[in-house]
Amino acid sequence: GTPSEVMVPFNDRVHFFGDGCYDATVGANGKVYLLQDHLDRFYTSAKL
């Protein structure tokens, strides 16, 4: 949905502990830039 429509459960651990990891990049012309590099880093962070 839009950012104002999508709701998150109260008990998601992110609310209490910031318990998670993220990644980010830019997208242009429908392509996620350097997608594989960012996915590799994301899965590494989650594993740690």
All heavy atoms as atom14 arrays in JSON, in Angstrom:
{
  "sequence": "GTPSEVMVPFNDRVHFFGDGCYDATVGANGKVYLLQDHLDRFYTSAKL",
  "atom14_mask": [
    [1, 1, 1, 1, 0, 0, 0, 0, 0, 0, 0, 0, 0, 0],
    [1, 1, 1, 1, 1, 1, 1, 0, 0, 0, 0, 0, 0, 0],
    [1, 1, 1, 1, 1, 1, 1, 0, 0, 0, 0, 0, 0, 0],
    [1, 1, 1, 1, 1, 1, 0, 0, 0, 0, 0, 0, 0, 0],
    [1, 1, 1, 1, 1, 1, 1, 1, 1, 0, 0, 0, 0, 0],
    [1, 1, 1, 1, 1, 1, 1, 0, 0, 0, 0, 0, 0, 0],
    [1, 1, 1, 1, 1, 1, 1, 1, 0, 0, 0, 0, 0, 0],
    [1, 1, 1, 1, 1, 1, 1, 0, 0, 0, 0, 0, 0, 0],
    [1, 1, 1, 1, 1, 1, 1, 0, 0, 0, 0, 0, 0, 0],
    [1, 1, 1, 1, 1, 1, 1, 1, 1, 1, 1, 0, 0, 0],
    [1, 1, 1, 1, 1, 1, 1, 1, 0, 0, 0, 0, 0, 0],
    [1, 1, 1, 1, 1, 1, 1, 1, 0, 0, 0, 0, 0, 0],
    [1, 1, 1, 1, 1, 1, 1, 1, 1, 1, 1, 0, 0, 0],
    [1, 1, 1, 1, 1, 1, 1, 0, 0, 0, 0, 0, 0, 0],
    [1, 1, 1, 1, 1, 1, 1, 1, 1, 1, 0, 0, 0, 0],
    [1, 1, 1, 1, 1, 1, 1, 1, 1, 1, 1, 0, 0, 0],
    [1, 1, 1, 1, 1, 1, 1, 1, 1, 1, 1, 0, 0, 0],
    [1, 1, 1, 1, 0, 0, 0, 0, 0, 0, 0, 0, 0, 0],
    [1, 1, 1, 1, 1, 1, 1, 1, 0, 0, 0, 0, 0, 0],
    [1, 1, 1, 1, 0, 0, 0, 0, 0, 0, 0, 0, 0, 0],
    [1, 1, 1, 1, 1, 1, 0, 0, 0, 0, 0, 0, 0, 0],
    [1, 1, 1, 1, 1, 1, 1, 1, 1, 1, 1, 1, 0, 0],
    [1, 1, 1, 1, 1, 1, 1, 1, 0, 0, 0, 0, 0, 0],
    [1, 1, 1, 1, 1, 0, 0, 0, 0, 0, 0, 0, 0, 0],
    [1, 1, 1, 1, 1, 1, 1, 0, 0, 0, 0, 0, 0, 0],
    [1, 1, 1, 1, 1, 1, 1, 0, 0, 0, 0, 0, 0, 0],
    [1, 1, 1, 1, 0, 0, 0, 0, 0, 0, 0, 0, 0, 0],
    [1, 1, 1, 1, 1, 0, 0, 0, 0, 0, 0, 0, 0, 0],
    [1, 1, 1, 1, 1, 1, 1, 1, 0, 0, 0, 0, 0, 0],
    [1, 1, 1, 1, 0, 0, 0, 0, 0, 0, 0, 0, 0, 0],
    [1, 1, 1, 1, 1, 1, 1, 1, 1, 0, 0, 0, 0, 0],
    [1, 1, 1, 1, 1, 1, 1, 0, 0, 0, 0, 0, 0, 0],
    [1, 1, 1, 1, 1, 1, 1, 1, 1, 1, 1, 1, 0, 0],
    [1, 1, 1, 1, 1, 1, 1, 1, 0, 0, 0, 0, 0, 0],
    [1, 1, 1, 1, 1, 1, 1, 1, 0, 0, 0, 0, 0, 0],
    [1, 1, 1, 1, 1, 1, 1, 1, 1, 0, 0, 0, 0, 0],
    [1, 1, 1, 1, 1, 1, 1, 1, 0, 0, 0, 0, 0, 0],
    [1, 1, 1, 1, 1, 1, 1, 1, 1, 1, 0, 0, 0, 0],
    [1, 1, 1, 1, 1, 1, 1, 1, 0, 0, 0, 0, 0, 0],
    [1, 1, 1, 1, 1, 1, 1, 1, 0, 0, 0, 0, 0, 0],
    [1, 1, 1, 1, 1, 1, 1, 1, 1, 1, 1, 0, 0, 0],
    [1, 1, 1, 1, 1, 1, 1, 1, 1, 1, 1, 0, 0, 0],
    [1, 1, 1, 1, 1, 1, 1, 1, 1, 1, 1, 1, 0, 0],
    [1, 1, 1, 1, 1, 1, 1, 0, 0, 0, 0, 0, 0, 0],
    [1, 1, 1, 1, 1, 1, 0, 0, 0, 0, 0, 0, 0, 0],
    [1, 1, 1, 1, 1, 0, 0, 0, 0, 0, 0, 0, 0, 0],
    [1, 1, 1, 1, 1, 1, 1, 1, 1, 0, 0, 0, 0, 0],
    [1, 1, 1, 1, 1, 1, 1, 1, 0, 0, 0, 0, 0, 0]
  ],
  "atom14_positions": [
    [[0.84, -1.18, 0.0], [0.0, 0.0, 0.0], [0.87, 1.23, 0.0], [2.07, 1.17, -0.26], [0.0, 0.0, 0.0], [0.0, 0.0, 0.0], [0.0, 0.0, 0.0], [0.0, 0.0, 0.0], [0.0, 0.0, 0.0], [0.0, 0.0, 0.0], [0.0, 0.0, 0.0], [0.0, 0.0, 0.0], [0.0, 0.0, 0.0], [0.0, 0.0, 0.0]],
    [[0.28, 2.38, 0.3], [1.07, 3.6, 0.47], [1.69, 3.57, 1.86], [1.25, 2.81, 2.74], [0.19, 4.84, 0.32], [-0.74, 4.88, 1.41], [-0.57, 4.84, -1.01], [0.0, 0.0, 0.0], [0.0, 0.0, 0.0], [0.0, 0.0, 0.0], [0.0, 0.0, 0.0], [0.0, 0.0, 0.0], [0.0, 0.0, 0.0], [0.0, 0.0, 0.0]],
    [[2.71, 4.4, 2.12], [3.32, 4.41, 3.46], [2.33, 4.73, 4.58], [2.53, 4.28, 5.71], [4.39, 5.5, 3.33], [4.78, 5.45, 1.89], [3.5, 5.19, 1.16], [0.0, 0.0, 0.0], [0.0, 0.0, 0.0], [0.0, 0.0, 0.0], [0.0, 0.0, 0.0], [0.0, 0.0, 0.0], [0.0, 0.0, 0.0], [0.0, 0.0, 0.0]],
    [[1.27, 5.46, 4.29], [0.3, 5.76, 5.34], [-0.74, 4.66, 5.52], [-1.45, 4.62, 6.53], [-0.42, 7.08, 5.01], [-1.11, 6.99, 3.78], [0.0, 0.0, 0.0], [0.0, 0.0, 0.0], [0.0, 0.0, 0.0], [0.0, 0.0, 0.0], [0.0, 0.0, 0.0], [0.0, 0.0, 0.0], [0.0, 0.0, 0.0], [0.0, 0.0, 0.0]],
    [[-0.83, 3.74, 4.56], [-1.82, 2.67, 4.64], [-1.3, 1.41, 5.32], [-2.05, 0.73, 6.03], [-2.29, 2.3, 3.23], [-3.1, 3.37, 2.52], [-3.36, 3.04, 1.08], [-2.62, 2.18, 0.51], [-4.28, 3.63, 0.49], [0.0, 0.0, 0.0], [0.0, 0.0, 0.0], [0.0, 0.0, 0.0], [0.0, 0.0, 0.0], [0.0, 0.0, 0.0]],
    [[-0.04, 1.09, 5.12], [0.5, -0.19, 5.61], [0.76, -0.1, 7.11], [1.46, 0.78, 7.58], [1.78, -0.56, 4.85], [2.4, -1.82, 5.44], [1.47, -0.77, 3.37], [0.0, 0.0, 0.0], [0.0, 0.0, 0.0], [0.0, 0.0, 0.0], [0.0, 0.0, 0.0], [0.0, 0.0, 0.0], [0.0, 0.0, 0.0], [0.0, 0.0, 0.0]],
    [[0.19, -1.03, 7.86], [0.3, -1.04, 9.32], [1.24, -2.15, 9.77], [1.34, -3.2, 9.14], [-1.08, -1.26, 9.96], [-2.11, -0.15, 9.67], [-1.72, 1.41, 10.51], [-1.11, 2.4, 9.11], [0.0, 0.0, 0.0], [0.0, 0.0, 0.0], [0.0, 0.0, 0.0], [0.0, 0.0, 0.0], [0.0, 0.0, 0.0], [0.0, 0.0, 0.0]],
    [[1.9, -1.92, 10.92], [2.87, -2.87, 11.48], [2.37, -3.32, 12.85], [1.95, -2.48, 13.67], [4.25, -2.21, 11.6], [5.25, -3.16, 12.27], [4.76, -1.79, 10.22], [0.0, 0.0, 0.0], [0.0, 0.0, 0.0], [0.0, 0.0, 0.0], [0.0, 0.0, 0.0], [0.0, 0.0, 0.0], [0.0, 0.0, 0.0], [0.0, 0.0, 0.0]],
    [[2.41, -4.62, 13.17], [1.95, -5.1, 14.48], [2.72, -4.45, 15.63], [3.93, -4.23, 15.54], [2.24, -6.61, 14.42], [2.27, -6.93, 12.97], [2.83, -5.73, 12.28], [0.0, 0.0, 0.0], [0.0, 0.0, 0.0], [0.0, 0.0, 0.0], [0.0, 0.0, 0.0], [0.0, 0.0, 0.0], [0.0, 0.0, 0.0], [0.0, 0.0, 0.0]],
    [[2.02, -4.18, 16.7], [2.62, -3.53, 17.87], [3.79, -4.34, 18.41], [4.81, -3.79, 18.85], [1.55, -3.36, 18.96], [2.05, -2.69, 20.2], [2.15, -1.31, 20.27], [2.43, -3.43, 21.3], [2.61, -0.68, 21.41], [2.89, -2.82, 22.45], [2.98, -1.44, 22.52], [0.0, 0.0, 0.0], [0.0, 0.0, 0.0], [0.0, 0.0, 0.0]],
    [[3.69, -5.67, 18.39], [4.71, -6.52, 18.99], [5.87, -6.86, 18.06], [6.69, -7.72, 18.39], [4.08, -7.83, 19.5], [3.46, -7.67, 20.87], [3.85, -6.78, 21.63], [2.49, -8.52, 21.19], [0.0, 0.0, 0.0], [0.0, 0.0, 0.0], [0.0, 0.0, 0.0], [0.0, 0.0, 0.0], [0.0, 0.0, 0.0], [0.0, 0.0, 0.0]],
    [[5.94, -6.2, 16.9], [7.14, -6.39, 16.09], [8.34, -5.92, 16.91], [8.34, -4.81, 17.46], [7.04, -5.59, 14.78], [8.12, -5.98, 13.78], [9.32, -5.86, 14.13], [7.78, -6.39, 12.66], [0.0, 0.0, 0.0], [0.0, 0.0, 0.0], [0.0, 0.0, 0.0], [0.0, 0.0, 0.0], [0.0, 0.0, 0.0], [0.0, 0.0, 0.0]],
    [[9.37, -6.73, 17.0], [10.5, -6.44, 17.88], [11.25, -5.16, 17.52], [12.0, -4.61, 18.33], [11.48, -7.63, 17.9], [10.95, -8.83, 18.69], [11.92, -10.0, 18.64], [13.22, -9.67, 19.17], [13.58, -9.86, 20.46], [12.71, -10.36, 21.32], [14.8, -9.55, 20.84], [0.0, 0.0, 0.0], [0.0, 0.0, 0.0], [0.0, 0.0, 0.0]],
    [[11.01, -4.64, 16.31], [11.66, -3.39, 15.94], [11.24, -2.25, 16.86], [12.02, -1.34, 17.15], [11.36, -3.04, 14.46], [9.91, -2.63, 14.27], [12.3, -1.96, 13.97], [0.0, 0.0, 0.0], [0.0, 0.0, 0.0], [0.0, 0.0, 0.0], [0.0, 0.0, 0.0], [0.0, 0.0, 0.0], [0.0, 0.0, 0.0], [0.0, 0.0, 0.0]],
    [[9.99, -2.3, 17.36], [9.48, -1.22, 18.19], [10.17, -1.15, 19.54], [10.34, -0.06, 20.1], [7.96, -1.38, 18.4], [7.16, -1.25, 17.15], [6.04, -2.02, 16.89], [7.31, -0.46, 16.06], [5.54, -1.69, 15.72], [6.3, -0.75, 15.2], [0.0, 0.0, 0.0], [0.0, 0.0, 0.0], [0.0, 0.0, 0.0], [0.0, 0.0, 0.0]],
    [[10.58, -2.28, 20.07], [11.16, -2.31, 21.41], [12.69, -2.29, 21.38], [13.32, -1.72, 22.28], [10.7, -3.57, 22.15], [9.22, -3.73, 22.24], [8.59, -4.8, 21.64], [8.45, -2.79, 22.91], [7.21, -4.95, 21.72], [7.07, -2.93, 22.99], [6.45, -4.0, 22.39], [0.0, 0.0, 0.0], [0.0, 0.0, 0.0], [0.0, 0.0, 0.0]],
    [[13.28, -2.9, 20.36], [14.73, -3.11, 20.39], [15.46, -2.62, 19.14], [16.69, -2.72, 19.09], [15.03, -4.62, 20.56], [14.39, -5.23, 21.77], [13.36, -6.16, 21.63], [14.79, -4.89, 23.05], [12.76, -6.73, 22.74], [14.2, -5.46, 24.16], [13.18, -6.38, 24.01], [0.0, 0.0, 0.0], [0.0, 0.0, 0.0], [0.0, 0.0, 0.0]],
    [[14.74, -2.11, 18.15], [15.4, -1.82, 16.88], [16.02, -3.08, 16.31], [17.1, -3.05, 15.72], [0.0, 0.0, 0.0], [0.0, 0.0, 0.0], [0.0, 0.0, 0.0], [0.0, 0.0, 0.0], [0.0, 0.0, 0.0], [0.0, 0.0, 0.0], [0.0, 0.0, 0.0], [0.0, 0.0, 0.0], [0.0, 0.0, 0.0], [0.0, 0.0, 0.0]],
    [[15.33, -4.2, 16.5], [15.89, -5.52, 16.27], [15.77, -5.9, 14.79], [14.81, -6.54, 14.36], [15.17, -6.54, 17.15], [15.91, -7.86, 17.26], [16.89, -8.05, 16.52], [15.5, -8.7, 18.08], [0.0, 0.0, 0.0], [0.0, 0.0, 0.0], [0.0, 0.0, 0.0], [0.0, 0.0, 0.0], [0.0, 0.0, 0.0], [0.0, 0.0, 0.0]],
    [[16.76, -5.51, 14.02], [16.71, -5.84, 12.6], [17.89, -5.23, 11.87], [18.78, -4.62, 12.46], [0.0, 0.0, 0.0], [0.0, 0.0, 0.0], [0.0, 0.0, 0.0], [0.0, 0.0, 0.0], [0.0, 0.0, 0.0], [0.0, 0.0, 0.0], [0.0, 0.0, 0.0], [0.0, 0.0, 0.0], [0.0, 0.0, 0.0], [0.0, 0.0, 0.0]],
    [[17.9, -5.39, 10.55], [18.93, -4.8, 9.71], [18.29, -4.38, 8.4], [17.15, -4.76, 8.1], [20.08, -5.78, 9.47], [19.59, -7.34, 8.7], [0.0, 0.0, 0.0], [0.0, 0.0, 0.0], [0.0, 0.0, 0.0], [0.0, 0.0, 0.0], [0.0, 0.0, 0.0], [0.0, 0.0, 0.0], [0.0, 0.0, 0.0], [0.0, 0.0, 0.0]],
    [[19.01, -3.59, 7.65], [18.41, -3.03, 6.43], [19.46, -2.88, 5.35], [20.66, -3.04, 5.58], [17.78, -1.67, 6.71], [18.77, -0.52, 6.85], [18.96, 0.38, 5.82], [19.51, -0.35, 8.02], [19.87, 1.43, 5.94], [20.41, 0.7, 8.15], [20.59, 1.58, 7.11], [21.48, 2.62, 7.22], [0.0, 0.0, 0.0], [0.0, 0.0, 0.0]],
    [[19.0, -2.53, 4.16], [19.88, -2.09, 3.09], [19.1, -1.12, 2.21], [17.86, -1.02, 2.33], [20.43, -3.25, 2.27], [21.9, -3.03, 1.93], [22.19, -2.1, 1.17], [22.75, -3.77, 2.45], [0.0, 0.0, 0.0], [0.0, 0.0, 0.0], [0.0, 0.0, 0.0], [0.0, 0.0, 0.0], [0.0, 0.0, 0.0], [0.0, 0.0, 0.0]],
    [[19.81, -0.42, 1.36], [19.16, 0.61, 0.54], [20.02, 0.94, -0.65], [21.25, 0.83, -0.61], [18.91, 1.87, 1.37], [0.0, 0.0, 0.0], [0.0, 0.0, 0.0], [0.0, 0.0, 0.0], [0.0, 0.0, 0.0], [0.0, 0.0, 0.0], [0.0, 0.0, 0.0], [0.0, 0.0, 0.0], [0.0, 0.0, 0.0], [0.0, 0.0, 0.0]],
    [[19.36, 1.36, -1.72], [20.05, 1.8, -2.92], [19.09, 2.7, -3.69], [18.1, 3.18, -3.13], [20.52, 0.6, -3.76], [21.23, 1.06, -4.91], [19.35, -0.3, -4.19], [0.0, 0.0, 0.0], [0.0, 0.0, 0.0], [0.0, 0.0, 0.0], [0.0, 0.0, 0.0], [0.0, 0.0, 0.0], [0.0, 0.0, 0.0], [0.0, 0.0, 0.0]],
    [[19.38, 2.95, -4.93], [18.45, 3.69, -5.78], [17.98, 2.77, -6.89], [18.62, 1.76, -7.22], [19.09, 4.96, -6.37], [19.4, 5.96, -5.27], [20.35, 4.63, -7.15], [0.0, 0.0, 0.0], [0.0, 0.0, 0.0], [0.0, 0.0, 0.0], [0.0, 0.0, 0.0], [0.0, 0.0, 0.0], [0.0, 0.0, 0.0], [0.0, 0.0, 0.0]],
    [[16.84, 3.13, -7.46], [16.32, 2.41, -8.6], [16.05, 3.38, -9.72], [15.58, 4.5, -9.47], [0.0, 0.0, 0.0], [0.0, 0.0, 0.0], [0.0, 0.0, 0.0], [0.0, 0.0, 0.0], [0.0, 0.0, 0.0], [0.0, 0.0, 0.0], [0.0, 0.0, 0.0], [0.0, 0.0, 0.0], [0.0, 0.0, 0.0], [0.0, 0.0, 0.0]],
    [[16.36, 3.0, -10.94], [16.12, 3.87, -12.09], [15.68, 3.02, -13.27], [16.2, 1.92, -13.49], [17.39, 4.65, -12.45], [0.0, 0.0, 0.0], [0.0, 0.0, 0.0], [0.0, 0.0, 0.0], [0.0, 0.0, 0.0], [0.0, 0.0, 0.0], [0.0, 0.0, 0.0], [0.0, 0.0, 0.0], [0.0, 0.0, 0.0], [0.0, 0.0, 0.0]],
    [[14.7, 3.54, -14.0], [14.17, 2.81, -15.16], [13.73, 1.4, -14.79], [13.89, 0.46, -15.56], [15.2, 2.75, -16.28], [15.3, 4.05, -17.06], [14.42, 4.9, -16.96], [16.36, 4.21, -17.82], [0.0, 0.0, 0.0], [0.0, 0.0, 0.0], [0.0, 0.0, 0.0], [0.0, 0.0, 0.0], [0.0, 0.0, 0.0], [0.0, 0.0, 0.0]],
    [[13.2, 1.23, -13.59], [12.7, -0.06, -13.16], [13.77, -1.05, -12.74], [13.47, -2.21, -12.48], [0.0, 0.0, 0.0], [0.0, 0.0, 0.0], [0.0, 0.0, 0.0], [0.0, 0.0, 0.0], [0.0, 0.0, 0.0], [0.0, 0.0, 0.0], [0.0, 0.0, 0.0], [0.0, 0.0, 0.0], [0.0, 0.0, 0.0], [0.0, 0.0, 0.0]],
    [[15.04, -0.61, -12.64], [16.14, -1.48, -12.23], [16.67, -1.05, -10.86], [16.91, 0.14, -10.64], [17.27, -1.44, -13.26], [16.88, -2.01, -14.62], [18.07, -1.97, -15.57], [17.69, -2.57, -16.92], [18.84, -2.51, -17.88], [0.0, 0.0, 0.0], [0.0, 0.0, 0.0], [0.0, 0.0, 0.0], [0.0, 0.0, 0.0], [0.0, 0.0, 0.0]],
    [[16.87, -2.01, -9.98], [17.46, -1.74, -8.66], [18.97, -1.71, -8.84], [19.58, -2.73, -9.2], [17.04, -2.8, -7.64], [17.6, -2.45, -6.27], [15.51, -2.91, -7.57], [0.0, 0.0, 0.0], [0.0, 0.0, 0.0], [0.0, 0.0, 0.0], [0.0, 0.0, 0.0], [0.0, 0.0, 0.0], [0.0, 0.0, 0.0], [0.0, 0.0, 0.0]],
    [[19.59, -0.57, -8.57], [21.01, -0.4, -8.87], [21.88, -1.26, -7.96], [21.74, -1.24, -6.75], [21.39, 1.07, -8.73], [22.81, 1.38, -9.14], [23.3, 0.93, -10.36], [23.65, 2.1, -8.32], [24.6, 1.19, -10.76], [24.95, 2.38, -8.7], [25.42, 1.93, -9.93], [26.71, 2.19, -10.29], [0.0, 0.0, 0.0], [0.0, 0.0, 0.0]],
    [[22.8, -2.01, -8.57], [23.73, -2.9, -7.88], [22.99, -3.84, -6.93], [23.39, -4.06, -5.79], [24.78, -2.08, -7.11], [25.62, -1.12, -7.97], [26.6, -0.35, -7.1], [26.35, -1.87, -9.09], [0.0, 0.0, 0.0], [0.0, 0.0, 0.0], [0.0, 0.0, 0.0], [0.0, 0.0, 0.0], [0.0, 0.0, 0.0], [0.0, 0.0, 0.0]],
    [[21.92, -4.41, -7.44], [21.02, -5.23, -6.63], [21.75, -6.38, -5.93], [21.58, -6.59, -4.73], [19.9, -5.78, -7.5], [18.92, -6.77, -6.85], [18.21, -6.12, -5.67], [17.91, -7.27, -7.87], [0.0, 0.0, 0.0], [0.0, 0.0, 0.0], [0.0, 0.0, 0.0], [0.0, 0.0, 0.0], [0.0, 0.0, 0.0], [0.0, 0.0, 0.0]],
    [[22.57, -7.13, -6.66], [23.21, -8.31, -6.07], [24.15, -7.92, -4.94], [24.22, -8.59, -3.9], [23.96, -9.1, -7.14], [24.37, -10.49, -6.68], [23.17, -11.35, -6.28], [22.21, -11.46, -7.03], [23.23, -11.95, -5.11], [0.0, 0.0, 0.0], [0.0, 0.0, 0.0], [0.0, 0.0, 0.0], [0.0, 0.0, 0.0], [0.0, 0.0, 0.0]],
    [[24.89, -6.82, -5.12], [25.8, -6.35, -4.06], [25.03, -6.03, -2.78], [25.46, -6.39, -1.68], [26.54, -5.1, -4.52], [27.38, -5.33, -5.75], [26.81, -5.5, -6.85], [28.61, -5.33, -5.63], [0.0, 0.0, 0.0], [0.0, 0.0, 0.0], [0.0, 0.0, 0.0], [0.0, 0.0, 0.0], [0.0, 0.0, 0.0], [0.0, 0.0, 0.0]],
    [[23.91, -5.35, -2.94], [23.12, -4.95, -1.77], [22.45, -6.16, -1.12], [22.36, -6.22, 0.12], [22.09, -3.9, -2.17], [22.7, -2.55, -2.41], [22.96, -1.67, -1.4], [23.11, -1.95, -3.54], [23.51, -0.58, -1.89], [23.61, -0.73, -3.21], [0.0, 0.0, 0.0], [0.0, 0.0, 0.0], [0.0, 0.0, 0.0], [0.0, 0.0, 0.0]],
    [[21.99, -7.1, -1.92], [21.41, -8.32, -1.35], [22.45, -9.11, -0.58], [22.18, -9.63, 0.51], [20.79, -9.18, -2.45], [19.5, -8.67, -3.09], [19.09, -9.56, -4.24], [18.37, -8.56, -2.07], [0.0, 0.0, 0.0], [0.0, 0.0, 0.0], [0.0, 0.0, 0.0], [0.0, 0.0, 0.0], [0.0, 0.0, 0.0], [0.0, 0.0, 0.0]],
    [[23.66, -9.2, -1.12], [24.73, -9.93, -0.43], [25.0, -9.31, 0.94], [25.13, -10.02, 1.95], [26.01, -9.93, -1.26], [25.91, -10.82, -2.5], [24.98, -11.64, -2.56], [26.77, -10.69, -3.39], [0.0, 0.0, 0.0], [0.0, 0.0, 0.0], [0.0, 0.0, 0.0], [0.0, 0.0, 0.0], [0.0, 0.0, 0.0], [0.0, 0.0, 0.0]],
    [[25.09, -7.99, 0.99], [25.36, -7.32, 2.26], [24.19, -7.49, 3.23], [24.38, -7.69, 4.43], [25.65, -5.83, 2.03], [26.05, -5.09, 3.3], [26.52, -3.68, 3.03], [25.46, -2.85, 2.47], [25.61, -1.55, 2.2], [26.79, -0.97, 2.4], [24.62, -0.84, 1.69], [0.0, 0.0, 0.0], [0.0, 0.0, 0.0], [0.0, 0.0, 0.0]],
    [[22.98, -7.42, 2.71], [21.77, -7.57, 3.53], [21.73, -8.95, 4.19], [21.51, -9.07, 5.41], [20.54, -7.36, 2.64], [19.22, -7.45, 3.35], [18.9, -6.61, 4.39], [18.27, -8.38, 2.93], [17.67, -6.68, 5.03], [17.03, -8.46, 3.56], [16.74, -7.61, 4.61], [0.0, 0.0, 0.0], [0.0, 0.0, 0.0], [0.0, 0.0, 0.0]],
    [[21.98, -10.0, 3.42], [21.94, -11.35, 3.98], [23.1, -11.58, 4.94], [22.96, -12.32, 5.91], [21.91, -12.38, 2.86], [20.51, -12.58, 2.29], [19.98, -11.67, 1.39], [19.72, -13.65, 2.69], [18.7, -11.82, 0.88], [18.44, -13.82, 2.18], [17.93, -12.9, 1.29], [16.65, -13.05, 0.79], [0.0, 0.0, 0.0], [0.0, 0.0, 0.0]],
    [[24.23, -10.93, 4.7], [25.36, -11.03, 5.63], [25.01, -10.4, 6.96], [25.29, -10.95, 8.03], [26.6, -10.37, 5.02], [26.99, -11.07, 3.84], [27.76, -10.39, 6.01], [0.0, 0.0, 0.0], [0.0, 0.0, 0.0], [0.0, 0.0, 0.0], [0.0, 0.0, 0.0], [0.0, 0.0, 0.0], [0.0, 0.0, 0.0], [0.0, 0.0, 0.0]],
    [[24.41, -9.2, 6.93], [24.0, -8.51, 8.16], [23.02, -9.37, 8.95], [23.15, -9.53, 10.16], [23.37, -7.15, 7.84], [24.32, -6.24, 7.34], [0.0, 0.0, 0.0], [0.0, 0.0, 0.0], [0.0, 0.0, 0.0], [0.0, 0.0, 0.0], [0.0, 0.0, 0.0], [0.0, 0.0, 0.0], [0.0, 0.0, 0.0], [0.0, 0.0, 0.0]],
    [[22.02, -9.93, 8.25], [21.01, -10.74, 8.93], [21.64, -11.98, 9.56], [21.29, -12.37, 10.69], [19.91, -11.14, 7.94], [0.0, 0.0, 0.0], [0.0, 0.0, 0.0], [0.0, 0.0, 0.0], [0.0, 0.0, 0.0], [0.0, 0.0, 0.0], [0.0, 0.0, 0.0], [0.0, 0.0, 0.0], [0.0, 0.0, 0.0], [0.0, 0.0, 0.0]],
    [[22.58, -12.6, 8.87], [23.25, -13.79, 9.41], [24.03, -13.44, 10.67], [24.01, -14.2, 11.66], [24.17, -14.39, 8.36], [24.84, -15.68, 8.8], [25.69, -16.28, 7.69], [26.35, -17.57, 8.15], [27.18, -18.17, 7.06], [0.0, 0.0, 0.0], [0.0, 0.0, 0.0], [0.0, 0.0, 0.0], [0.0, 0.0, 0.0], [0.0, 0.0, 0.0]],
    [[24.71, -12.3, 10.68], [25.47, -11.89, 11.86], [24.56, -11.61, 13.05], [24.98, -11.72, 14.21], [26.3, -10.65, 11.53], [27.48, -10.87, 10.58], [28.08, -9.54, 10.13], [28.54, -11.74, 11.23], [0.0, 0.0, 0.0], [0.0, 0.0, 0.0], [0.0, 0.0, 0.0], [0.0, 0.0, 0.0], [0.0, 0.0, 0.0], [0.0, 0.0, 0.0]]
  ]
}
